[in-house]
C-alpha atoms as a PDB file:
ATOM      1  CA  MET A   1       0.000   0.000   0.000  1.00  0.00           C
ATOM      2  CA  THR A   2       1.369   3.408  -0.958  1.00  0.00           C
ATOM      3  CA  SER A   3       1.515   6.424   1.337  1.00  0.00           C
ATOM      4  CA  ARG A   4       1.180  10.122   0.591  1.00  0.00           C
ATOM      5  CA  GLU A   5       4.969  10.336   0.578  1.00  0.00           C
ATOM      6  CA  ASP A   6       5.195   7.578  -2.050  1.00  0.00           C
ATOM      7  CA  GLU A   7       2.579   9.229  -4.238  1.00  0.00           C
ATOM      8  CA  ALA A   8       4.325  12.595  -3.902  1.00  0.00           C
ATOM      9  CA  LEU A   9       7.640  11.106  -5.062  1.00  0.00           C
ATOM     10  CA  ALA A  10       5.914   9.424  -8.008  1.00  0.00           C
ATOM     11  CA  ARG A  11       4.204  12.648  -9.041  1.00  0.00           C
ATOM     12  CA  ALA A  12       7.499  14.552  -8.768  1.00  0.00           C
ATOM     13  CA  ALA A  13       9.169  11.990 -11.031  1.00  0.00           C
ATOM     14  CA  VAL A  14       6.399  12.154 -13.639  1.00  0.00           C
ATOM     15  CA  THR A  15       6.497  15.958 -13.543  1.00  0.00           C
ATOM     16  CA  ALA A  16      10.244  15.796 -14.159  1.00  0.00           C
ATOM     17  CA  LEU A  17       9.602  13.582 -17.185  1.00  0.00           C
ATOM     18  CA  THR A  18       6.916  15.870 -18.623  1.00  0.00           C
ATOM     19  CA  ASP A  19       9.144  18.904 -17.997  1.00  0.00           C
ATOM     20  CA  GLN A  20      11.860  17.146 -19.991  1.00  0.00           C
ATOM     21  CA  LEU A  21       9.348  16.507 -22.771  1.00  0.00           C
ATOM     22  CA  ALA A  22       8.448  20.219 -22.809  1.00  0.00           C
ATOM     23  CA  LEU A  23      12.012  21.393 -23.489  1.00  0.00           C
ATOM     24  CA  THR A  24      12.547  22.816 -26.967  1.00  0.00           C
ATOM     25  CA  PRO A  25      14.452  22.657 -29.209  1.00  0.00           C
ATOM     26  CA  LYS A  26      15.767  19.254 -28.108  1.00  0.00           C
ATOM     27  CA  PRO A  27      18.256  17.893 -30.661  1.00  0.00           C
ATOM     28  CA  GLY A  28      16.866  14.689 -32.148  1.00  0.00           C
ATOM     29  CA  LEU A  29      14.247  14.312 -29.409  1.00  0.00           C
ATOM     30  CA  PRO A  30      10.470  14.858 -29.326  1.00  0.00           C
ATOM     31  CA  ASP A  31       9.421  18.320 -28.170  1.00  0.00           C
ATOM     32  CA  PRO A  32       6.007  20.056 -28.152  1.00  0.00           C
ATOM     33  CA  SER A  33       6.105  20.389 -31.955  1.00  0.00           C
ATOM     34  CA  HIS A  34       6.486  16.615 -32.396  1.00  0.00           C
ATOM     35  CA  ARG A  35       3.430  14.719 -33.630  1.00  0.00           C
ATOM     36  CA  ASP A  36       3.683  12.243 -30.752  1.00  0.00           C
ATOM     37  CA  HIS A  37       4.141  14.817 -27.991  1.00  0.00           C
ATOM     38  CA  ASN A  38       0.635  14.525 -26.526  1.00  0.00           C
ATOM     39  CA  THR A  39       0.806  10.728 -26.589  1.00  0.00           C
ATOM     40  CA  LEU A  40       4.152  10.793 -24.785  1.00  0.00           C
ATOM     41  CA  ARG A  41       2.765  13.161 -22.132  1.00  0.00           C
ATOM     42  CA  TRP A  42      -0.233  10.906 -21.633  1.00  0.00           C
ATOM     43  CA  SER A  43       1.803   7.730 -21.396  1.00  0.00           C
ATOM     44  CA  ALA A  44       4.171   9.438 -18.937  1.00  0.00           C
ATOM     45  CA  LYS A  45       1.280   9.714 -16.495  1.00  0.00           C
ATOM     46  CA  ALA A  46       0.866   5.935 -16.668  1.00  0.00           C
ATOM     47  CA  LEU A  47       4.177   5.665 -14.804  1.00  0.00           C
ATOM     48  CA  THR A  48       2.667   7.149 -11.641  1.00  0.00           C
ATOM     49  CA  PRO A  49       1.190   4.010  -9.998  1.00  0.00           C
ATOM     50  CA  GLY A  50       4.301   1.955 -10.702  1.00  0.00           C
ATOM     51  CA  LEU A  51       6.671   4.596  -9.368  1.00  0.00           C
ATOM     52  CA  ALA A  52       4.551   4.969  -6.229  1.00  0.00           C
ATOM     53  CA  ALA A  53       4.678   1.190  -5.762  1.00  0.00           C
ATOM     54  CA  MET A  54       8.473   1.257  -6.140  1.00  0.00           C
ATOM     55  CA  SER A  55       8.714   3.956  -3.489  1.00  0.00           C
ATOM     56  CA  ALA A  56       6.448   1.972  -1.162  1.00  0.00           C
ATOM     57  CA  ALA A  57       8.513  -1.189  -1.648  1.00  0.00           C
ATOM     58  CA  ALA A  58      11.733   0.685  -0.873  1.00  0.00           C
ATOM     59  CA  ARG A  59      10.231   2.414   2.163  1.00  0.00           C
ATOM     60  CA  ARG A  60       8.972  -0.915   3.502  1.00  0.00           C
ATOM     61  CA  THR A  61      12.317  -2.659   2.933  1.00  0.00           C
ATOM     62  CA  GLY A  62      14.368   0.244   4.237  1.00  0.00           C
ATOM     63  CA  GLU A  63      17.638  -0.739   2.581  1.00  0.00           C
ATOM     64  CA  PRO A  64      18.988  -1.588  -0.911  1.00  0.00           C
ATOM     65  CA  THR A  65      18.772  -5.375  -0.709  1.00  0.00           C
ATOM     66  CA  PRO A  66      18.748  -7.991  -3.493  1.00  0.00           C
ATOM     67  CA  GLY A  67      15.118  -8.637  -2.604  1.00  0.00           C
ATOM     68  CA  LEU A  68      14.231  -5.003  -3.172  1.00  0.00           C
ATOM     69  CA  ARG A  69      16.032  -5.039  -6.538  1.00  0.00           C
ATOM     70  CA  ALA A  70      13.968  -8.056  -7.601  1.00  0.00           C
ATOM     71  CA  GLU A  71      10.742  -6.415  -6.458  1.00  0.00           C
ATOM     72  CA  LEU A  72      11.541  -3.192  -8.305  1.00  0.00           C
ATOM     73  CA  GLY A  73      12.243  -5.194 -11.464  1.00  0.00           C
ATOM     74  CA  ALA A  74       8.879  -6.961 -11.223  1.00  0.00           C
ATOM     75  CA  ILE A  75       7.039  -3.677 -10.656  1.00  0.00           C
ATOM     76  CA  GLY A  76       8.934  -2.121 -13.542  1.00  0.00           C
ATOM     77  CA  ARG A  77       7.890  -4.847 -15.979  1.00  0.00           C
ATOM     78  CA  CYS A  78       4.246  -4.443 -14.985  1.00  0.00           C
ATOM     79  CA  THR A  79       4.577  -0.680 -15.378  1.00  0.00           C
ATOM     80  CA  GLU A  80       6.113  -1.079 -18.847  1.00  0.00           C
ATOM     81  CA  HIS A  81       2.989  -3.021 -19.838  1.00  0.00           C
ATOM     82  CA  SER A  82       0.701  -0.264 -18.523  1.00  0.00           C
ATOM     83  CA  VAL A  83       2.718   2.411 -20.309  1.00  0.00           C
ATOM     84  CA  GLY A  84       2.518   0.390 -23.519  1.00  0.00           C
ATOM     85  CA  LEU A  85      -1.273   0.369 -23.288  1.00  0.00           C
ATOM     86  CA  ALA A  86      -1.210   4.151 -22.789  1.00  0.00           C
ATOM     87  CA  GLY A  87       0.881   4.791 -25.900  1.00  0.00           C
ATOM     88  CA  GLY A  88       4.364   3.494 -25.074  1.00  0.00           C
ATOM     89  CA  GLY A  89       7.788   5.027 -24.633  1.00  0.00           C
ATOM     90  CA  HIS A  90       9.769   6.046 -21.533  1.00  0.00           C
ATOM     91  CA  ARG A  91      11.516   2.727 -20.922  1.00  0.00           C
ATOM     92  CA  GLY A  92      14.837   4.375 -20.137  1.00  0.00           C
ATOM     93  CA  ALA A  93      13.168   7.017 -17.991  1.00  0.00           C
ATOM     94  CA  LEU A  94      11.321   4.315 -16.048  1.00  0.00           C
ATOM     95  CA  TRP A  95      14.615   2.590 -15.212  1.00  0.00           C
ATOM     96  CA  THR A  96      16.244   5.840 -14.097  1.00  0.00           C
ATOM     97  CA  LEU A  97      13.292   7.350 -12.250  1.00  0.00           C
ATOM     98  CA  GLY A  98      12.349   4.047 -10.631  1.00  0.00           C
ATOM     99  CA  LEU A  99      15.791   3.702  -9.059  1.00  0.00           C
ATOM    100  CA  LEU A 100      15.883   7.344  -7.977  1.00  0.00           C
ATOM    101  CA  VAL A 101      12.386   7.257  -6.470  1.00  0.00           C
ATOM    102  CA  ALA A 102      13.208   4.071  -4.561  1.00  0.00           C
ATOM    103  CA  ALA A 103      16.484   5.589  -3.369  1.00  0.00           C
ATOM    104  CA  ALA A 104      14.735   8.792  -2.255  1.00  0.00           C
ATOM    105  CA  ALA A 105      12.280   6.714  -0.216  1.00  0.00           C
ATOM    106  CA  ILE A 106      15.172   4.994   1.587  1.00  0.00           C
ATOM    107  CA  GLU A 107      17.653   7.849   2.041  1.00  0.00           C
ATOM    108  CA  PRO A 108      16.582  11.222   0.596  1.00  0.00           C
ATOM    109  CA  ARG A 109      19.966  12.862   1.196  1.00  0.00           C
ATOM    110  CA  GLU A 110      21.950  10.123  -0.547  1.00  0.00           C
ATOM    111  CA  VAL A 111      19.811   9.493  -3.619  1.00  0.00           C
ATOM    112  CA  PRO A 112      22.439   8.752  -6.333  1.00  0.00           C
ATOM    113  CA  ALA A 113      24.580   6.726  -3.916  1.00  0.00           C
ATOM    114  CA  THR A 114      21.594   4.697  -2.699  1.00  0.00           C
ATOM    115  CA  ALA A 115      20.409   4.128  -6.271  1.00  0.00           C
ATOM    116  CA  LYS A 116      23.915   2.842  -7.041  1.00  0.00           C
ATOM    117  CA  ARG A 117      23.644   0.321  -4.218  1.00  0.00           C
ATOM    118  CA  ILE A 118      20.257  -0.893  -5.460  1.00  0.00           C
ATOM    119  CA  ALA A 119      21.487  -1.224  -9.054  1.00  0.00           C
ATOM    120  CA  ALA A 120      24.526  -3.220  -7.921  1.00  0.00           C
ATOM    121  CA  HIS A 121      22.259  -6.225  -7.343  1.00  0.00           C
ATOM    122  CA  PRO A 122      21.211  -8.321 -10.363  1.00  0.00           C
ATOM    123  CA  ASP A 123      17.544  -8.553 -11.317  1.00  0.00           C
ATOM    124  CA  ARG A 124      17.162 -12.317 -11.327  1.00  0.00           C
ATOM    125  CA  GLY A 125      13.647 -12.097 -12.739  1.00  0.00           C
ATOM    126  CA  ALA A 126      14.642 -10.105 -15.816  1.00  0.00           C
ATOM    127  CA  PRO A 127      14.065 -11.682 -19.252  1.00  0.00           C
ATOM    128  CA  ARG A 128      17.156 -13.433 -20.571  1.00  0.00           C
ATOM    129  CA  ARG A 129      16.818 -12.077 -24.092  1.00  0.00           C
ATOM    130  CA  PRO A 130      19.245  -9.194 -24.700  1.00  0.00           C
ATOM    131  CA  SER A 131      17.922  -5.669 -25.134  1.00  0.00           C
ATOM    132  CA  ARG A 132      19.223  -3.094 -27.606  1.00  0.00           C
ATOM    133  CA  GLY A 133      21.143  -1.418 -24.823  1.00  0.00           C
ATOM    134  CA  SER A 134      22.753  -4.587 -23.484  1.00  0.00           C
ATOM    135  CA  SER A 135      23.671  -5.668 -27.024  1.00  0.00           C
ATOM    136  CA  MET A 136      25.394  -2.340 -27.705  1.00  0.00           C
ATOM    137  CA  SER A 137      27.115  -2.449 -24.318  1.00  0.00           C
ATOM    138  CA  ALA A 138      28.486  -5.874 -25.111  1.00  0.00           C
ATOM    139  CA  LYS A 139      29.538  -4.903 -28.636  1.00  0.00           C
ATOM    140  CA  TYR A 140      31.165  -1.547 -27.940  1.00  0.00           C
ATOM    141  CA  GLY A 141      31.942  -1.634 -24.225  1.00  0.00           C
ATOM    142  CA  ALA A 142      29.552   1.240 -23.486  1.00  0.00           C
ATOM    143  CA  ALA A 143      28.340   1.594 -19.928  1.00  0.00           C
ATOM    144  CA  GLY A 144      24.685   1.675 -20.928  1.00  0.00           C
ATOM    145  CA  ALA A 145      21.798   2.316 -18.557  1.00  0.00           C
ATOM    146  CA  ARG A 146      22.914  -0.328 -16.069  1.00  0.00           C
ATOM    147  CA  GLY A 147      26.488   0.925 -16.031  1.00  0.00           C
ATOM    148  CA  GLU A 148      25.306   4.485 -15.505  1.00  0.00           C
ATOM    149  CA  ALA A 149      23.211   3.425 -12.508  1.00  0.00           C
ATOM    150  CA  ARG A 150      25.965   1.249 -11.047  1.00  0.00           C
ATOM    151  CA  ALA A 151      28.321   4.234 -11.225  1.00  0.00           C
ATOM    152  CA  GLY A 152      25.871   6.381  -9.246  1.00  0.00           C
ATOM    153  CA  PHE A 153      24.455   8.272 -12.251  1.00  0.00           C
ATOM    154  CA  PRO A 154      27.452  10.539 -12.960  1.00  0.00           C
ATOM    155  CA  HIS A 155      25.725  12.226 -15.902  1.00  0.00           C
ATOM    156  CA  ILE A 156      22.695  13.078 -13.794  1.00  0.00           C
ATOM    157  CA  ARG A 157      24.955  14.612 -11.158  1.00  0.00           C
ATOM    158  CA  ARG A 158      26.781  16.686 -13.782  1.00  0.00           C
ATOM    159  CA  ALA A 159      23.506  17.889 -15.294  1.00  0.00           C
ATOM    160  CA  TRP A 160      22.164  18.690 -11.840  1.00  0.00           C
ATOM    161  CA  ALA A 161      25.193  20.888 -11.188  1.00  0.00           C
ATOM    162  CA  VAL A 162      24.540  22.784 -14.424  1.00  0.00           C
ATOM    163  CA  LEU A 163      20.948  23.413 -13.315  1.00  0.00           C
ATOM    164  CA  ALA A 164      22.434  25.398 -10.401  1.00  0.00           C
ATOM    165  CA  ASP A 165      24.719  27.637 -12.457  1.00  0.00           C
ATOM    166  CA  GLY A 166      22.444  30.673 -12.298  1.00  0.00           C
ATOM    167  CA  THR A 167      21.338  30.559 -15.949  1.00  0.00           C
ATOM    168  CA  PRO A 168      17.601  31.239 -16.350  1.00  0.00           C
ATOM    169  CA  ARG A 169      15.240  28.506 -17.474  1.00  0.00           C
ATOM    170  CA  PRO A 170      14.790  27.025 -20.019  1.00  0.00           C
ATOM    171  CA  GLN A 171      18.389  27.686 -21.072  1.00  0.00           C
ATOM    172  CA  SER A 172      19.833  26.025 -17.967  1.00  0.00           C
ATOM    173  CA  ARG A 173      17.775  22.917 -18.628  1.00  0.00           C
ATOM    174  CA  LEU A 174      18.838  22.743 -22.258  1.00  0.00           C
ATOM    175  CA  ASN A 175      22.468  23.272 -21.205  1.00  0.00           C
ATOM    176  CA  ALA A 176      22.093  20.424 -18.713  1.00  0.00           C
ATOM    177  CA  LEU A 177      20.715  18.148 -21.436  1.00  0.00           C
ATOM    178  CA  LEU A 178      23.593  19.057 -23.747  1.00  0.00           C
ATOM    179  CA  THR A 179      26.059  18.387 -20.925  1.00  0.00           C
ATOM    180  CA  ILE A 180      24.723  14.830 -20.778  1.00  0.00           C
ATOM    181  CA  MET A 181      24.760  14.445 -24.558  1.00  0.00           C
ATOM    182  CA  SER A 182      28.330  15.712 -24.837  1.00  0.00           C
ATOM    183  CA  THR A 183      29.858  12.674 -23.124  1.00  0.00           C
ATOM    184  CA  LEU A 184      27.190   9.989 -22.675  1.00  0.00           C
ATOM    185  CA  GLN A 185      27.854   6.684 -24.440  1.00  0.00           C
ATOM    186  CA  ASP A 186      24.227   6.548 -25.558  1.00  0.00           C
ATOM    187  CA  THR A 187      23.439   2.962 -26.553  1.00  0.00           C
ATOM    188  CA  GLU A 188      20.405   4.055 -28.583  1.00  0.00           C
ATOM    189  CA  LEU A 189      22.678   6.211 -30.729  1.00  0.00           C
ATOM    190  CA  LEU A 190      25.186   3.394 -30.998  1.00  0.00           C
ATOM    191  CA  TYR A 191      22.386   1.159 -32.276  1.00  0.00           C
ATOM    192  CA  THR A 192      21.103   3.614 -34.890  1.00  0.00           C
ATOM    193  CA  ALA A 193      24.240   5.547 -35.837  1.00  0.00           C
ATOM    194  CA  GLY A 194      27.250   3.516 -34.687  1.00  0.00           C
ATOM    195  CA  PRO A 195      30.352   4.907 -32.943  1.00  0.00           C
ATOM    196  CA  THR A 196      30.934   7.539 -35.642  1.00  0.00           C
ATOM    197  CA  GLY A 197      27.390   8.855 -35.245  1.00  0.00           C
ATOM    198  CA  LEU A 198      27.725   8.899 -31.469  1.00  0.00           C
ATOM    199  CA  ARG A 199      30.911  10.967 -31.685  1.00  0.00           C
ATOM    200  CA  HIS A 200      29.171  13.308 -34.156  1.00  0.00           C
ATOM    201  CA  VAL A 201      26.350  13.960 -31.674  1.00  0.00           C
ATOM    202  CA  GLN A 202      28.745  14.413 -28.746  1.00  0.00           C
ATOM    203  CA  ALA A 203      30.795  16.920 -30.743  1.00  0.00           C
ATOM    204  CA  GLY A 204      27.656  18.830 -31.744  1.00  0.00           C
ATOM    205  CA  ALA A 205      26.563  19.135 -28.127  1.00  0.00           C
ATOM    206  CA  ARG A 206      30.028  20.326 -27.117  1.00  0.00           C
ATOM    207  CA  ARG A 207      29.940  23.005 -29.840  1.00  0.00           C
ATOM    208  CA  VAL A 208      26.813  24.509 -28.290  1.00  0.00           C
ATOM    209  CA  LEU A 209      28.367  24.567 -24.833  1.00  0.00           C
ATOM    210  CA  GLU A 210      31.679  25.945 -26.116  1.00  0.00           C
ATOM    211  CA  ALA A 211      29.762  28.749 -27.859  1.00  0.00           C
ATOM    212  CA  GLY A 212      28.538  29.872 -24.438  1.00  0.00           C
ATOM    213  CA  GLY A 213      25.498  27.656 -24.080  1.00  0.00           C
ATOM    214  CA  THR A 214      21.953  28.061 -25.288  1.00  0.00           C
ATOM    215  CA  GLY A 215      21.584  31.508 -23.717  1.00  0.00           C
ATOM    216  CA  THR A 216      23.991  33.120 -26.205  1.00  0.00           C
ATOM    217  CA  ALA A 217      23.302  33.960 -29.831  1.00  0.00           C
ATOM    218  CA  ALA A 218      26.144  31.728 -31.021  1.00  0.00           C
ATOM    219  CA  GLY A 219      25.045  28.876 -28.775  1.00  0.00           C
ATOM    220  CA  ALA A 220      21.407  29.161 -29.848  1.00  0.00           C
ATOM    221  CA  LYS A 221      22.491  29.083 -33.492  1.00  0.00           C
ATOM    222  CA  ALA A 222      24.614  25.971 -32.885  1.00  0.00           C
ATOM    223  CA  LEU A 223      21.694  24.333 -31.048  1.00  0.00           C
ATOM    224  CA  THR A 224      19.310  24.967 -33.935  1.00  0.00           C
ATOM    225  CA  ALA A 225      21.838  23.536 -36.384  1.00  0.00           C
ATOM    226  CA  LEU A 226      22.318  20.417 -34.237  1.00  0.00           C
ATOM    227  CA  ASP A 227      18.564  19.950 -33.839  1.00  0.00           C
ATOM    228  CA  THR A 228      17.998  20.180 -37.606  1.00  0.00           C
ATOM    229  CA  ASP A 229      20.913  17.857 -38.310  1.00  0.00           C
ATOM    230  CA  LEU A 230      19.773  15.106 -35.935  1.00  0.00           C
ATOM    231  CA  HIS A 231      16.150  15.235 -37.025  1.00  0.00           C
ATOM    232  CA  ASN A 232      17.222  15.029 -40.676  1.00  0.00           C
ATOM    233  CA  ARG A 233      19.422  12.020 -39.897  1.00  0.00           C
ATOM    234  CA  GLY A 234      16.778  10.357 -37.719  1.00  0.00           C
ATOM    235  CA  TRP A 235      19.197  10.056 -34.793  1.00  0.00           C
ATOM    236  CA  SER A 236      17.642  10.272 -31.331  1.00  0.00           C
ATOM    237  CA  PRO A 237      19.741  10.480 -28.125  1.00  0.00           C
ATOM    238  CA  ARG A 238      17.040   8.854 -26.012  1.00  0.00           C
ATOM    239  CA  GLY A 239      19.433   7.804 -23.289  1.00  0.00           C
ATOM    240  CA  SER A 240      20.204  11.448 -22.600  1.00  0.00           C
ATOM    241  CA  ALA A 241      16.501  12.274 -22.347  1.00  0.00           C
ATOM    242  CA  GLY A 242      15.892   9.705 -19.614  1.00  0.00           C
ATOM    243  CA  LEU A 243      18.875  10.919 -17.598  1.00  0.00           C
ATOM    244  CA  MET A 244      17.741  14.512 -17.982  1.00  0.00           C
ATOM    245  CA  ALA A 245      14.426  13.571 -16.406  1.00  0.00           C
ATOM    246  CA  GLY A 246      16.429  12.128 -13.515  1.00  0.00           C
ATOM    247  CA  ALA A 247      18.319  15.401 -13.075  1.00  0.00           C
ATOM    248  CA  LEU A 248      15.060  17.344 -13.020  1.00  0.00           C
ATOM    249  CA  PHE A 249      13.690  14.934 -10.420  1.00  0.00           C
ATOM    250  CA  LEU A 250      16.676  15.535  -8.136  1.00  0.00           C
ATOM    251  CA  ASP A 251      16.282  19.273  -8.677  1.00  0.00           C
ATOM    252  CA  ALA A 252      12.625  19.070  -7.609  1.00  0.00           C
ATOM    253  CA  LEU A 253      13.349  17.404  -4.269  1.00  0.00           C
ATOM    254  CA  PRO A 254      12.988  19.735  -1.262  1.00  0.00           C
ATOM    255  CA  ALA A 255      16.272  21.381  -0.317  1.00  0.00           C
ATOM    256  CA  THR A 256      16.265  19.430   2.935  1.00  0.00           C
ATOM    257  CA  ALA A 257      16.046  16.175   1.000  1.00  0.00           C
ATOM    258  CA  GLN A 258      18.565  16.894  -1.754  1.00  0.00           C
ATOM    259  CA  PRO A 259      21.730  14.786  -1.792  1.00  0.00           C
ATOM    260  CA  ALA A 260      24.398  16.254   0.434  1.00  0.00           C
ATOM    261  CA  GLY A 261      27.832  17.109  -0.887  1.00  0.00           C
ATOM    262  CA  THR A 262      27.108  16.249  -4.524  1.00  0.00           C
ATOM    263  CA  ARG A 263      26.243  19.638  -5.970  1.00  0.00           C
ATOM    264  CA  THR A 264      28.565  22.538  -6.603  1.00  0.00           C
ATOM    265  CA  PRO A 265      27.145  25.389  -8.714  1.00  0.00           C
ATOM    266  CA  VAL A 266      29.217  25.838 -11.855  1.00  0.00           C
ATOM    267  CA  ARG A 267      29.323  28.683 -14.327  1.00  0.00           C
ATOM    268  CA  GLY A 268      30.704  29.392 -17.772  1.00  0.00           C
ATOM    269  CA  THR A 269      33.705  27.317 -18.750  1.00  0.00           C
ATOM    270  CA  ALA A 270      33.591  25.564 -15.380  1.00  0.00           C
ATOM    271  CA  ALA A 271      30.247  24.079 -16.362  1.00  0.00           C
ATOM    272  CA  ARG A 272      31.771  22.687 -19.514  1.00  0.00           C
ATOM    273  CA  ARG A 273      34.781  21.273 -17.669  1.00  0.00           C
ATOM    274  CA  ALA A 274      32.424  19.516 -15.261  1.00  0.00           C
ATOM    275  CA  THR A 275      31.256  17.278 -18.065  1.00  0.00           C
ATOM    276  CA  GLY A 276      34.643  15.549 -18.323  1.00  0.00           C
ATOM    277  CA  SER A 277      35.068  12.996 -21.104  1.00  0.00           C
ATOM    278  CA  ILE A 278      34.295   9.320 -20.864  1.00  0.00           C
ATOM    279  CA  ALA A 279      33.616   8.570 -24.500  1.00  0.00           C
END
C-alpha cells in the first residue's frame, strides 16, 4: 500500500519527465512540436502508480537489498505493460526514475549513492533475451543504462550541477541536457548511428556549450543547427533524455532532502569542464 509520501515522489518523477518533454528545441528528441508529444505526455502519467509502488517497496524494505532489486524489477515490468497500453515510450526514464524514487524513499539525502547500491544487485527475474542497450554495451563496451546506474548516475549529477549555475530557465535545462549528450555513451545512438554517429552527436553538443550555451546567440544558433541535423538524420539520443528527467527529479526534491555534498554550482567554462570525457 502506498503512502502520501510515495505518491508525492511518483508525481514529482512524472512531472520531471513531462518537464523534460516540454524542453525545446531538443536535438533529435520529441518536443512540443512533435506529432507524438501529446501521446508521450499521456503515457508518462501511466508511470505514476508503478513509481509509487516502487517507493512503497523501498520504504517498507528500508535498505537496498537484493530482494528489493527483484521487487523493483517486477514492478517495472508491470509498469512497462501499462505504459505500452497508454501509448508506449519512456523505458529508459522508467529505469532511471524508478531507481531514484526508490532511493529517495530509503535515504533522501543520498539518492544517487543509494540508487547505485540498489542497481549493484542483479535482477534475477529479468528476461534473458538481450535488449538493444545490453547488445550495444556488449559490442562496444559502453556503460549503458545499467552501467550508468551502477556508477551512481554521474551524468545526472553533472547535469544537476549545471541546473544550479544561475542561468535562467529554459536555457539552464537545455544546457544540462547538452552536458549529458556531450559525453554519454548513448546505446540508442550506438544502435542507430554507430560509434561515428555517437561521436558526431557528442561533438555537436560540445559546440553549443563551447559557444557559451543556449543563452547566447552563437550557442542558440549551434543548437538549432544540431537539432535540424539530428532530425534530418533520424538520430535520437534517447538515453540522454531519460537521464535529464532524472536530473530534473533531483532538482525538484525539497532542499532538505537533496543529496548532500554532490552539488557545486558551476558557471561558464567551469560548467563545460564539469562534463569531463568518458567517450
